Amino acid sequence: MLVIFEYYSVLPLLYNISLYDIFKIYQQITHQKNKFLAITFSDYYYCTRIFIAWNLSWKGDCTKSNGKGDTWWRIRYLWALTIPNITFAVHVAIFYSIRRKQRSTADIIRNKKKKILAGRGTNAVKTYDYEWSMLIQAALNCSIMEIGIISFNFLPPLLIKIFGERITIPARIFVNCYAISICAMLPTIYFIYSKGARNIVKEYLAHFLHLKTAFLKTKVVIIGARINVAQ
């Protein structure tokens, strides 16, 4: 979501999109968030999940829904497997659509004023690089989510069949650690590809080091003064 929000927030600056289009985009984001909340609520409504500590696994109990819970979980697994691919396909479609509109606008400018086109040449190259950077981010996000979903559902049973029950706990540890790492995936990838974010972190680190250095110097001065008084 961080990458998607960052992408949509810079659209007006890169492509001069109207406020009405931006409103529609954020409306779609709100719709997706509400859909996610509805899916989470349905999980708790149809089934009860219990974490089993001795083998580090989750167990679902869908008896209270009279069979509806099993159907819901099948639909949910299918949705979880397909949503990363759909997300990436939507990203590709959006980028190519915007790229086509940008080229059409560039042709109009070229026909009217060649000087304006020459002045915006460097910005067009930067925009092109930014588009490919965002596509790479989307590919990484979607691929990591897809691998995580497959690993969480199919990797432990497969390893148990190959190596036996002794691999149960190591496999569960790996799957749970991977699931936790997915939560840090979006900000990490955004930090890698965003120069502005890295500069902000550098400024905060420099400010923190400056404050810490000043504090240590003050502490040394106070200690020195106490030593002089004691003497």
C-alpha atoms as a PDB file:
ATOM      1  CA  MET A   1       0.000   0.000   0.000  1.00  0.00           C
ATOM      2  CA  LEU A   2       2.904   2.360   0.680  1.00  0.00           C
ATOM      3  CA  VAL A   3       4.140   2.034  -2.897  1.00  0.00           C
ATOM      4  CA  ILE A   4       0.636   2.506  -4.309  1.00  0.00           C
ATOM      5  CA  PHE A   5      -0.004   5.613  -2.177  1.00  0.00           C
ATOM      6  CA  GLU A   6       3.386   7.063  -3.128  1.00  0.00           C
ATOM      7  CA  TYR A   7       2.700   6.359  -6.804  1.00  0.00           C
ATOM      8  CA  TYR A   8      -0.725   7.990  -6.792  1.00  0.00           C
ATOM      9  CA  SER A   9       0.490  10.995  -4.795  1.00  0.00           C
ATOM     10  CA  VAL A  10       3.005  11.986  -7.496  1.00  0.00           C
ATOM     11  CA  LEU A  11       0.678  11.488 -10.458  1.00  0.00           C
ATOM     12  CA  PRO A  12      -0.477  15.146 -10.536  1.00  0.00           C
ATOM     13  CA  LEU A  13       3.125  16.353 -10.531  1.00  0.00           C
ATOM     14  CA  LEU A  14       4.309  14.029 -13.310  1.00  0.00           C
ATOM     15  CA  TYR A  15       1.355  13.966 -15.674  1.00  0.00           C
ATOM     16  CA  ASN A  16      -0.759  17.015 -14.817  1.00  0.00           C
ATOM     17  CA  ILE A  17      -3.837  14.927 -14.000  1.00  0.00           C
ATOM     18  CA  SER A  18      -6.990  16.762 -12.948  1.00  0.00           C
ATOM     19  CA  LEU A  19      -8.245  16.842  -9.374  1.00  0.00           C
ATOM     20  CA  TYR A  20     -11.315  14.876 -10.414  1.00  0.00           C
ATOM     21  CA  ASP A  21      -9.131  12.003 -11.630  1.00  0.00           C
ATOM     22  CA  ILE A  22      -7.141  12.089  -8.398  1.00  0.00           C
ATOM     23  CA  PHE A  23     -10.390  11.962  -6.427  1.00  0.00           C
ATOM     24  CA  LYS A  24     -11.450   8.871  -8.368  1.00  0.00           C
ATOM     25  CA  ILE A  25      -8.077   7.236  -7.706  1.00  0.00           C
ATOM     26  CA  TYR A  26      -8.289   7.803  -3.954  1.00  0.00           C
ATOM     27  CA  GLN A  27     -11.879   6.602  -4.057  1.00  0.00           C
ATOM     28  CA  GLN A  28     -10.637   3.339  -5.528  1.00  0.00           C
ATOM     29  CA  ILE A  29      -7.999   3.085  -2.781  1.00  0.00           C
ATOM     30  CA  THR A  30     -10.695   3.555  -0.130  1.00  0.00           C
ATOM     31  CA  HIS A  31     -12.791   0.881  -1.804  1.00  0.00           C
ATOM     32  CA  GLN A  32      -9.865  -1.556  -1.719  1.00  0.00           C
ATOM     33  CA  LYS A  33      -9.260  -0.825   1.965  1.00  0.00           C
ATOM     34  CA  ASN A  34     -12.921  -1.439   2.812  1.00  0.00           C
ATOM     35  CA  LYS A  35     -12.823  -4.689   0.867  1.00  0.00           C
ATOM     36  CA  PHE A  36      -9.791  -5.820   2.865  1.00  0.00           C
ATOM     37  CA  LEU A  37     -11.601  -5.018   6.123  1.00  0.00           C
ATOM     38  CA  ALA A  38     -14.643  -6.983   4.928  1.00  0.00           C
ATOM     39  CA  ILE A  39     -12.463 -10.012   4.170  1.00  0.00           C
ATOM     40  CA  THR A  40     -10.852  -9.817   7.614  1.00  0.00           C
ATOM     41  CA  PHE A  41     -14.264  -9.588   9.286  1.00  0.00           C
ATOM     42  CA  SER A  42     -15.491 -12.607   7.287  1.00  0.00           C
ATOM     43  CA  ASP A  43     -12.505 -14.642   8.507  1.00  0.00           C
ATOM     44  CA  TYR A  44     -13.557 -14.170  12.125  1.00  0.00           C
ATOM     45  CA  TYR A  45     -17.254 -14.612  11.320  1.00  0.00           C
ATOM     46  CA  TYR A  46     -17.012 -17.973   9.545  1.00  0.00           C
ATOM     47  CA  CYS A  47     -14.034 -19.576  11.309  1.00  0.00           C
ATOM     48  CA  THR A  48     -12.017 -19.409  14.494  1.00  0.00           C
ATOM     49  CA  ARG A  49      -8.263 -19.686  14.149  1.00  0.00           C
ATOM     50  CA  ILE A  50      -6.060 -21.001  16.940  1.00  0.00           C
ATOM     51  CA  PHE A  51      -2.282 -20.777  17.111  1.00  0.00           C
ATOM     52  CA  ILE A  52      -0.739 -24.086  18.228  1.00  0.00           C
ATOM     53  CA  ALA A  53       2.494 -23.263  20.027  1.00  0.00           C
ATOM     54  CA  TRP A  54       4.090 -26.735  20.095  1.00  0.00           C
ATOM     55  CA  ASN A  55       4.399 -26.946  16.288  1.00  0.00           C
ATOM     56  CA  LEU A  56       4.085 -23.213  15.474  1.00  0.00           C
ATOM     57  CA  SER A  57       1.048 -23.611  13.217  1.00  0.00           C
ATOM     58  CA  TRP A  58      -2.429 -22.146  12.798  1.00  0.00           C
ATOM     59  CA  LYS A  59      -5.529 -24.343  13.023  1.00  0.00           C
ATOM     60  CA  GLY A  60      -8.902 -23.232  11.717  1.00  0.00           C
ATOM     61  CA  ASP A  61     -12.206 -24.312  13.262  1.00  0.00           C
ATOM     62  CA  CYS A  62     -15.140 -23.720  10.903  1.00  0.00           C
ATOM     63  CA  THR A  63     -17.727 -25.978  12.586  1.00  0.00           C
ATOM     64  CA  LYS A  64     -19.812 -23.037  13.825  1.00  0.00           C
ATOM     65  CA  SER A  65     -20.683 -21.987  10.253  1.00  0.00           C
ATOM     66  CA  ASN A  66     -22.133 -25.383   9.164  1.00  0.00           C
ATOM     67  CA  GLY A  67     -19.801 -25.907   6.218  1.00  0.00           C
ATOM     68  CA  LYS A  68     -19.898 -22.325   4.971  1.00  0.00           C
ATOM     69  CA  GLY A  69     -16.500 -21.667   6.530  1.00  0.00           C
ATOM     70  CA  ASP A  70     -14.788 -24.324   4.406  1.00  0.00           C
ATOM     71  CA  THR A  71     -16.257 -22.788   1.261  1.00  0.00           C
ATOM     72  CA  TRP A  72     -15.180 -19.348   2.409  1.00  0.00           C
ATOM     73  CA  TRP A  73     -11.584 -20.496   3.023  1.00  0.00           C
ATOM     74  CA  ARG A  74     -11.379 -22.069  -0.436  1.00  0.00           C
ATOM     75  CA  ILE A  75     -12.508 -18.762  -1.947  1.00  0.00           C
ATOM     76  CA  ARG A  76     -10.061 -16.876   0.258  1.00  0.00           C
ATOM     77  CA  TYR A  77      -7.108 -19.084  -0.724  1.00  0.00           C
ATOM     78  CA  LEU A  78      -7.941 -18.621  -4.401  1.00  0.00           C
ATOM     79  CA  TRP A  79      -8.219 -14.866  -3.891  1.00  0.00           C
ATOM     80  CA  ALA A  80      -4.899 -14.748  -2.019  1.00  0.00           C
ATOM     81  CA  LEU A  81      -3.120 -16.635  -4.815  1.00  0.00           C
ATOM     82  CA  THR A  82      -4.503 -14.485  -7.616  1.00  0.00           C
ATOM     83  CA  ILE A  83      -4.473 -10.996  -6.059  1.00  0.00           C
ATOM     84  CA  PRO A  84      -0.678 -10.424  -6.421  1.00  0.00           C
ATOM     85  CA  ASN A  85      -0.860 -11.275 -10.131  1.00  0.00           C
ATOM     86  CA  ILE A  86      -3.924  -9.085 -10.613  1.00  0.00           C
ATOM     87  CA  THR A  87      -2.208  -6.237  -8.755  1.00  0.00           C
ATOM     88  CA  PHE A  88       0.860  -6.408 -10.975  1.00  0.00           C
ATOM     89  CA  ALA A  89      -1.282  -6.615 -14.128  1.00  0.00           C
ATOM     90  CA  VAL A  90      -3.202  -3.513 -13.022  1.00  0.00           C
ATOM     91  CA  HIS A  91       0.083  -1.677 -12.398  1.00  0.00           C
ATOM     92  CA  VAL A  92       1.331  -2.568 -15.877  1.00  0.00           C
ATOM     93  CA  ALA A  93      -1.942  -1.458 -17.478  1.00  0.00           C
ATOM     94  CA  ILE A  94      -1.893   1.858 -15.591  1.00  0.00           C
ATOM     95  CA  PHE A  95       1.706   2.604 -16.539  1.00  0.00           C
ATOM     96  CA  TYR A  96       1.244   1.827 -20.224  1.00  0.00           C
ATOM     97  CA  SER A  97      -1.954   3.876 -20.334  1.00  0.00           C
ATOM     98  CA  ILE A  98      -0.227   6.871 -18.743  1.00  0.00           C
ATOM     99  CA  ARG A  99       2.799   6.413 -21.003  1.00  0.00           C
ATOM    100  CA  ARG A 100       0.580   6.458 -24.092  1.00  0.00           C
ATOM    101  CA  LYS A 101      -1.175   9.638 -22.940  1.00  0.00           C
ATOM    102  CA  GLN A 102       2.160  11.273 -22.201  1.00  0.00           C
ATOM    103  CA  ARG A 103       3.465  10.491 -25.691  1.00  0.00           C
ATOM    104  CA  SER A 104       0.285  11.895 -27.212  1.00  0.00           C
ATOM    105  CA  THR A 105       0.734  15.101 -25.193  1.00  0.00           C
ATOM    106  CA  ALA A 106       4.391  15.289 -26.246  1.00  0.00           C
ATOM    107  CA  ASP A 107       3.377  15.049 -29.910  1.00  0.00           C
ATOM    108  CA  ILE A 108       0.967  17.966 -29.482  1.00  0.00           C
ATOM    109  CA  ILE A 109       3.643  20.066 -27.806  1.00  0.00           C
ATOM    110  CA  ARG A 110       6.133  19.175 -30.533  1.00  0.00           C
ATOM    111  CA  ASN A 111       3.773  20.392 -33.210  1.00  0.00           C
ATOM    112  CA  LYS A 112       3.071  23.662 -31.385  1.00  0.00           C
ATOM    113  CA  LYS A 113       6.309  24.709 -29.724  1.00  0.00           C
ATOM    114  CA  LYS A 114       9.631  22.967 -30.259  1.00  0.00           C
ATOM    115  CA  LYS A 115      11.280  25.047 -27.582  1.00  0.00           C
ATOM    116  CA  ILE A 116       8.934  23.753 -24.913  1.00  0.00           C
ATOM    117  CA  LEU A 117       9.719  20.184 -25.935  1.00  0.00           C
ATOM    118  CA  ALA A 118      13.454  20.854 -25.723  1.00  0.00           C
ATOM    119  CA  GLY A 119      13.065  22.315 -22.259  1.00  0.00           C
ATOM    120  CA  ARG A 120      11.147  19.279 -21.023  1.00  0.00           C
ATOM    121  CA  GLY A 121      13.417  16.662 -22.536  1.00  0.00           C
ATOM    122  CA  THR A 122      15.378  16.037 -19.338  1.00  0.00           C
ATOM    123  CA  ASN A 123      12.208  15.800 -17.267  1.00  0.00           C
ATOM    124  CA  ALA A 124      10.763  13.240 -19.697  1.00  0.00           C
ATOM    125  CA  VAL A 125      13.820  11.028 -19.257  1.00  0.00           C
ATOM    126  CA  LYS A 126      13.531  11.288 -15.463  1.00  0.00           C
ATOM    127  CA  THR A 127       9.848  10.423 -15.657  1.00  0.00           C
ATOM    128  CA  TYR A 128      10.616   7.403 -17.844  1.00  0.00           C
ATOM    129  CA  ASP A 129      13.199   6.142 -15.336  1.00  0.00           C
ATOM    130  CA  TYR A 130      10.731   6.700 -12.492  1.00  0.00           C
ATOM    131  CA  GLU A 131       8.085   4.625 -14.268  1.00  0.00           C
ATOM    132  CA  TRP A 132      10.404   1.652 -14.684  1.00  0.00           C
ATOM    133  CA  SER A 133      11.508   2.010 -11.063  1.00  0.00           C
ATOM    134  CA  MET A 134       7.897   1.823  -9.893  1.00  0.00           C
ATOM    135  CA  LEU A 135       7.237  -1.200 -12.109  1.00  0.00           C
ATOM    136  CA  ILE A 136      10.230  -2.983 -10.570  1.00  0.00           C
ATOM    137  CA  GLN A 137       8.883  -2.180  -7.106  1.00  0.00           C
ATOM    138  CA  ALA A 138       5.475  -3.577  -8.047  1.00  0.00           C
ATOM    139  CA  ALA A 139       7.083  -6.753  -9.452  1.00  0.00           C
ATOM    140  CA  LEU A 140       9.114  -7.279  -6.276  1.00  0.00           C
ATOM    141  CA  ASN A 141       6.105  -6.689  -4.017  1.00  0.00           C
ATOM    142  CA  CYS A 142       3.823  -9.027  -5.937  1.00  0.00           C
ATOM    143  CA  SER A 143       6.422 -11.796  -6.315  1.00  0.00           C
ATOM    144  CA  ILE A 144       7.306 -11.741  -2.604  1.00  0.00           C
ATOM    145  CA  MET A 145       3.619 -11.873  -1.639  1.00  0.00           C
ATOM    146  CA  GLU A 146       3.006 -14.760  -4.054  1.00  0.00           C
ATOM    147  CA  ILE A 147       5.981 -16.733  -2.717  1.00  0.00           C
ATOM    148  CA  GLY A 148       4.842 -16.067   0.851  1.00  0.00           C
ATOM    149  CA  ILE A 149       1.296 -17.307   0.212  1.00  0.00           C
ATOM    150  CA  ILE A 150       2.543 -20.469  -1.509  1.00  0.00           C
ATOM    151  CA  SER A 151       5.121 -21.116   1.223  1.00  0.00           C
ATOM    152  CA  PHE A 152       2.622 -20.589   4.039  1.00  0.00           C
ATOM    153  CA  ASN A 153       0.106 -23.069   2.612  1.00  0.00           C
ATOM    154  CA  PHE A 154       2.147 -25.695   0.768  1.00  0.00           C
ATOM    155  CA  LEU A 155       5.786 -25.648   1.943  1.00  0.00           C
ATOM    156  CA  PRO A 156       5.432 -27.286   5.421  1.00  0.00           C
ATOM    157  CA  PRO A 157       3.380 -30.301   4.189  1.00  0.00           C
ATOM    158  CA  LEU A 158       5.786 -30.805   1.286  1.00  0.00           C
ATOM    159  CA  LEU A 159       8.860 -30.732   3.538  1.00  0.00           C
ATOM    160  CA  ILE A 160       7.201 -33.110   6.013  1.00  0.00           C
ATOM    161  CA  LYS A 161       6.571 -35.613   3.220  1.00  0.00           C
ATOM    162  CA  ILE A 162      10.208 -35.403   2.116  1.00  0.00           C
ATOM    163  CA  PHE A 163      12.089 -35.234   5.446  1.00  0.00           C
ATOM    164  CA  GLY A 164       9.555 -36.551   7.945  1.00  0.00           C
ATOM    165  CA  GLU A 165       8.075 -35.066  11.115  1.00  0.00           C
ATOM    166  CA  ARG A 166      11.463 -33.839  12.385  1.00  0.00           C
ATOM    167  CA  ILE A 167      11.333 -30.960   9.893  1.00  0.00           C
ATOM    168  CA  THR A 168       7.966 -29.672  11.186  1.00  0.00           C
ATOM    169  CA  ILE A 169       9.218 -27.070  13.664  1.00  0.00           C
ATOM    170  CA  PRO A 170      12.086 -25.701  11.467  1.00  0.00           C
ATOM    171  CA  ALA A 171       9.658 -25.407   8.538  1.00  0.00           C
ATOM    172  CA  ARG A 172       7.089 -23.579  10.682  1.00  0.00           C
ATOM    173  CA  ILE A 173       9.774 -21.238  12.029  1.00  0.00           C
ATOM    174  CA  PHE A 174      10.847 -20.387   8.482  1.00  0.00           C
ATOM    175  CA  VAL A 175       7.265 -19.797   7.326  1.00  0.00           C
ATOM    176  CA  ASN A 176       6.401 -17.566  10.291  1.00  0.00           C
ATOM    177  CA  CYS A 177       9.634 -15.572   9.925  1.00  0.00           C
ATOM    178  CA  TYR A 178       8.898 -15.106   6.230  1.00  0.00           C
ATOM    179  CA  ALA A 179       5.357 -13.935   7.041  1.00  0.00           C
ATOM    180  CA  ILE A 180       6.776 -11.382   9.497  1.00  0.00           C
ATOM    181  CA  SER A 181       9.341 -10.193   6.943  1.00  0.00           C
ATOM    182  CA  ILE A 182       6.535  -9.551   4.420  1.00  0.00           C
ATOM    183  CA  CYS A 183       5.218  -6.856   6.783  1.00  0.00           C
ATOM    184  CA  ALA A 184       8.520  -5.005   6.372  1.00  0.00           C
ATOM    185  CA  MET A 185       8.659  -5.606   2.614  1.00  0.00           C
ATOM    186  CA  LEU A 186       6.855  -2.478   1.390  1.00  0.00           C
ATOM    187  CA  PRO A 187       8.757   0.124   3.438  1.00  0.00           C
ATOM    188  CA  THR A 188      12.065  -1.646   2.723  1.00  0.00           C
ATOM    189  CA  ILE A 189      11.584  -1.679  -1.047  1.00  0.00           C
ATOM    190  CA  TYR A 190      10.304   1.898  -0.950  1.00  0.00           C
ATOM    191  CA  PHE A 191      13.395   2.948   1.024  1.00  0.00           C
ATOM    192  CA  ILE A 192      15.698   1.216  -1.489  1.00  0.00           C
ATOM    193  CA  TYR A 193      14.156   2.912  -4.533  1.00  0.00           C
ATOM    194  CA  SER A 194      13.280   6.326  -3.060  1.00  0.00           C
ATOM    195  CA  LYS A 195      16.214   8.730  -2.936  1.00  0.00           C
ATOM    196  CA  GLY A 196      14.088  11.290  -1.093  1.00  0.00           C
ATOM    197  CA  ALA A 197      13.308   8.801   1.691  1.00  0.00           C
ATOM    198  CA  ARG A 198      16.990   7.951   2.057  1.00  0.00           C
ATOM    199  CA  ASN A 199      17.899  11.643   2.261  1.00  0.00           C
ATOM    200  CA  ILE A 200      15.297  12.203   4.985  1.00  0.00           C
ATOM    201  CA  VAL A 201      16.697   9.294   7.011  1.00  0.00           C
ATOM    202  CA  LYS A 202      20.235  10.653   6.559  1.00  0.00           C
ATOM    203  CA  GLU A 203      19.133  14.068   7.823  1.00  0.00           C
ATOM    204  CA  TYR A 204      17.497  12.551  10.900  1.00  0.00           C
ATOM    205  CA  LEU A 205      20.567  10.415  11.612  1.00  0.00           C
ATOM    206  CA  ALA A 206      22.864  13.417  11.222  1.00  0.00           C
ATOM    207  CA  HIS A 207      20.638  15.465  13.542  1.00  0.00           C
ATOM    208  CA  PHE A 208      20.556  12.625  16.092  1.00  0.00           C
ATOM    209  CA  LEU A 209      24.344  12.216  15.995  1.00  0.00           C
ATOM    210  CA  HIS A 210      24.774  15.971  16.392  1.00  0.00           C
ATOM    211  CA  LEU A 211      22.517  16.002  19.467  1.00  0.00           C
ATOM    212  CA  LYS A 212      24.247  12.962  20.921  1.00  0.00           C
ATOM    213  CA  THR A 213      27.685  14.504  20.369  1.00  0.00           C
ATOM    214  CA  ALA A 214      26.578  17.748  22.035  1.00  0.00           C
ATOM    215  CA  PHE A 215      25.139  15.769  24.968  1.00  0.00           C
ATOM    216  CA  LEU A 216      28.378  13.811  25.418  1.00  0.00           C
ATOM    217  CA  LYS A 217      30.442  17.002  25.310  1.00  0.00           C
ATOM    218  CA  THR A 218      28.188  18.582  27.950  1.00  0.00           C
ATOM    219  CA  LYS A 219      28.469  15.485  30.104  1.00  0.00           C
ATOM    220  CA  VAL A 220      32.275  15.520  29.840  1.00  0.00           C
ATOM    221  CA  VAL A 221      32.351  19.194  30.842  1.00  0.00           C
ATOM    222  CA  ILE A 222      30.113  18.523  33.873  1.00  0.00           C
ATOM    223  CA  ILE A 223      32.251  15.578  34.978  1.00  0.00           C
ATOM    224  CA  GLY A 224      35.405  17.669  34.566  1.00  0.00           C
ATOM    225  CA  ALA A 225      33.881  20.480  36.632  1.00  0.00           C
ATOM    226  CA  ARG A 226      32.944  18.052  39.418  1.00  0.00           C
ATOM    227  CA  ILE A 227      36.477  16.657  39.467  1.00  0.00           C
ATOM    228  CA  ASN A 228      37.911  20.155  39.753  1.00  0.00           C
ATOM    229  CA  VAL A 229      35.542  21.007  42.616  1.00  0.00           C
ATOM    230  CA  ALA A 230      36.449  17.799  44.433  1.00  0.00           C
ATOM    231  CA  GLN A 231      40.145  18.609  44.158  1.00  0.00           C
END
